[in-house]
Amino acid sequence: MGALLPKTEFRISGDRSLLAIYGSGVDPAVNERVQRMTTLLTSHPHPGIEAVVGSYCTLLLHYDPLRIGFQELSALLLNLEGTLG
């Protein structure tokens, strides 16, 4: 994944979900990034994350706000992105 990808944008989605936006439009590199993050999160689950829903250019995470907050979850995602290379 040597292409320069857009910076991830994090949005609150309801009171228990975080929407990570990895890009817009049709971009195979963005989709690959979403798919790799989905695989990483489902293969190494965090106790505060209840569900991971990947789409073409976004990732929706349902989480338990008593176990992990929005800011902590955003930081976790950024750290995991760094492991993708």
C-alpha atoms as a PDB file:
ATOM      1  CA  MET A   1       0.000   0.000   0.000  1.00  0.00           C
ATOM      2  CA  GLY A   2       2.512   2.551  -1.104  1.00  0.00           C
ATOM      3  CA  ALA A   3      -0.076   5.079  -2.316  1.00  0.00           C
ATOM      4  CA  LEU A   4      -0.701   8.185  -0.254  1.00  0.00           C
ATOM      5  CA  LEU A   5      -4.073   7.668   1.400  1.00  0.00           C
ATOM      6  CA  PRO A   6      -6.326  10.347   2.891  1.00  0.00           C
ATOM      7  CA  LYS A   7      -6.194  10.966   6.627  1.00  0.00           C
ATOM      8  CA  THR A   8      -8.776   8.952   8.534  1.00  0.00           C
ATOM      9  CA  GLU A   9     -11.712  10.963   9.846  1.00  0.00           C
ATOM     10  CA  PHE A  10     -13.521   9.785  12.996  1.00  0.00           C
ATOM     11  CA  ARG A  11     -17.150  10.662  13.665  1.00  0.00           C
ATOM     12  CA  ILE A  12     -19.501   9.873  16.509  1.00  0.00           C
ATOM     13  CA  SER A  13     -22.407   7.797  15.267  1.00  0.00           C
ATOM     14  CA  GLY A  14     -25.052   7.597  17.976  1.00  0.00           C
ATOM     15  CA  ASP A  15     -24.124   6.985  21.582  1.00  0.00           C
ATOM     16  CA  ARG A  16     -22.296   3.665  21.055  1.00  0.00           C
ATOM     17  CA  SER A  17     -20.708   3.817  17.613  1.00  0.00           C
ATOM     18  CA  LEU A  18     -17.707   5.339  15.898  1.00  0.00           C
ATOM     19  CA  LEU A  19     -17.554   5.811  12.145  1.00  0.00           C
ATOM     20  CA  ALA A  20     -14.049   5.790  10.663  1.00  0.00           C
ATOM     21  CA  ILE A  21     -14.003   7.348   7.194  1.00  0.00           C
ATOM     22  CA  TYR A  22     -10.970   6.270   5.162  1.00  0.00           C
ATOM     23  CA  GLY A  23     -11.788   8.081   1.936  1.00  0.00           C
ATOM     24  CA  SER A  24     -14.579   8.771  -0.504  1.00  0.00           C
ATOM     25  CA  GLY A  25     -15.471   7.467  -3.887  1.00  0.00           C
ATOM     26  CA  VAL A  26     -14.214   4.334  -5.549  1.00  0.00           C
ATOM     27  CA  ASP A  27     -10.582   3.718  -4.614  1.00  0.00           C
ATOM     28  CA  PRO A  28      -9.267   0.148  -4.364  1.00  0.00           C
ATOM     29  CA  ALA A  29      -6.441   1.255  -2.012  1.00  0.00           C
ATOM     30  CA  VAL A  30      -8.958   2.731   0.432  1.00  0.00           C
ATOM     31  CA  ASN A  31     -11.077  -0.414   0.267  1.00  0.00           C
ATOM     32  CA  GLU A  32      -8.022  -2.559   0.926  1.00  0.00           C
ATOM     33  CA  ARG A  33      -7.224  -0.432   3.980  1.00  0.00           C
ATOM     34  CA  VAL A  34     -10.785  -0.871   5.331  1.00  0.00           C
ATOM     35  CA  GLN A  35     -10.665  -4.622   4.732  1.00  0.00           C
ATOM     36  CA  ARG A  36      -7.280  -4.960   6.444  1.00  0.00           C
ATOM     37  CA  MET A  37      -8.493  -2.941   9.448  1.00  0.00           C
ATOM     38  CA  THR A  38     -11.651  -5.074   9.643  1.00  0.00           C
ATOM     39  CA  THR A  39      -9.574  -8.260   9.622  1.00  0.00           C
ATOM     40  CA  LEU A  40      -7.170  -6.889  12.212  1.00  0.00           C
ATOM     41  CA  LEU A  41      -9.957  -5.805  14.563  1.00  0.00           C
ATOM     42  CA  THR A  42     -11.896  -9.061  14.274  1.00  0.00           C
ATOM     43  CA  SER A  43      -8.834 -11.283  14.669  1.00  0.00           C
ATOM     44  CA  HIS A  44      -7.567  -9.372  17.734  1.00  0.00           C
ATOM     45  CA  PRO A  45     -10.773  -8.262  19.478  1.00  0.00           C
ATOM     46  CA  HIS A  46     -10.795  -5.513  22.099  1.00  0.00           C
ATOM     47  CA  PRO A  47     -13.171  -6.156  25.030  1.00  0.00           C
ATOM     48  CA  GLY A  48     -14.837  -2.758  24.523  1.00  0.00           C
ATOM     49  CA  ILE A  49     -15.626  -3.308  20.837  1.00  0.00           C
ATOM     50  CA  GLU A  50     -18.919  -5.106  20.340  1.00  0.00           C
ATOM     51  CA  ALA A  51     -19.144  -5.185  16.533  1.00  0.00           C
ATOM     52  CA  VAL A  52     -17.041  -4.271  13.501  1.00  0.00           C
ATOM     53  CA  VAL A  53     -18.816  -3.449  10.245  1.00  0.00           C
ATOM     54  CA  GLY A  54     -16.644  -2.703   7.241  1.00  0.00           C
ATOM     55  CA  SER A  55     -17.972  -1.163   4.039  1.00  0.00           C
ATOM     56  CA  TYR A  56     -16.205   0.118   0.936  1.00  0.00           C
ATOM     57  CA  CYS A  57     -14.572   3.214   2.433  1.00  0.00           C
ATOM     58  CA  THR A  58     -15.796   3.307   6.049  1.00  0.00           C
ATOM     59  CA  LEU A  59     -15.597   1.213   9.174  1.00  0.00           C
ATOM     60  CA  LEU A  60     -18.342   1.310  11.802  1.00  0.00           C
ATOM     61  CA  LEU A  61     -17.474   0.174  15.304  1.00  0.00           C
ATOM     62  CA  HIS A  62     -20.146  -0.460  17.922  1.00  0.00           C
ATOM     63  CA  TYR A  63     -18.528  -0.129  21.334  1.00  0.00           C
ATOM     64  CA  ASP A  64     -19.307  -0.224  25.042  1.00  0.00           C
ATOM     65  CA  PRO A  65     -18.729   3.337  26.319  1.00  0.00           C
ATOM     66  CA  LEU A  66     -18.239   1.976  29.842  1.00  0.00           C
ATOM     67  CA  ARG A  67     -15.197   0.009  28.634  1.00  0.00           C
ATOM     68  CA  ILE A  68     -13.698   2.333  26.019  1.00  0.00           C
ATOM     69  CA  GLY A  69     -14.430   5.939  25.076  1.00  0.00           C
ATOM     70  CA  PHE A  70     -14.568   7.616  21.685  1.00  0.00           C
ATOM     71  CA  GLN A  71     -11.142   9.284  22.045  1.00  0.00           C
ATOM     72  CA  GLU A  72      -9.483   6.084  23.277  1.00  0.00           C
ATOM     73  CA  LEU A  73     -11.054   4.086  20.446  1.00  0.00           C
ATOM     74  CA  SER A  74      -9.930   6.676  17.877  1.00  0.00           C
ATOM     75  CA  ALA A  75      -6.374   6.456  19.226  1.00  0.00           C
ATOM     76  CA  LEU A  76      -6.509   2.651  19.122  1.00  0.00           C
ATOM     77  CA  LEU A  77      -7.543   2.743  15.459  1.00  0.00           C
ATOM     78  CA  LEU A  78      -4.752   5.153  14.562  1.00  0.00           C
ATOM     79  CA  ASN A  79      -2.220   2.908  16.300  1.00  0.00           C
ATOM     80  CA  LEU A  80      -3.533  -0.149  14.468  1.00  0.00           C
ATOM     81  CA  GLU A  81      -3.388   1.710  11.142  1.00  0.00           C
ATOM     82  CA  GLY A  82       0.291   2.308  11.811  1.00  0.00           C
ATOM     83  CA  THR A  83       0.880  -1.457  11.928  1.00  0.00           C
ATOM     84  CA  LEU A  84      -0.517  -1.923   8.418  1.00  0.00           C
ATOM     85  CA  GLY A  85       2.519  -0.345   6.819  1.00  0.00           C
END
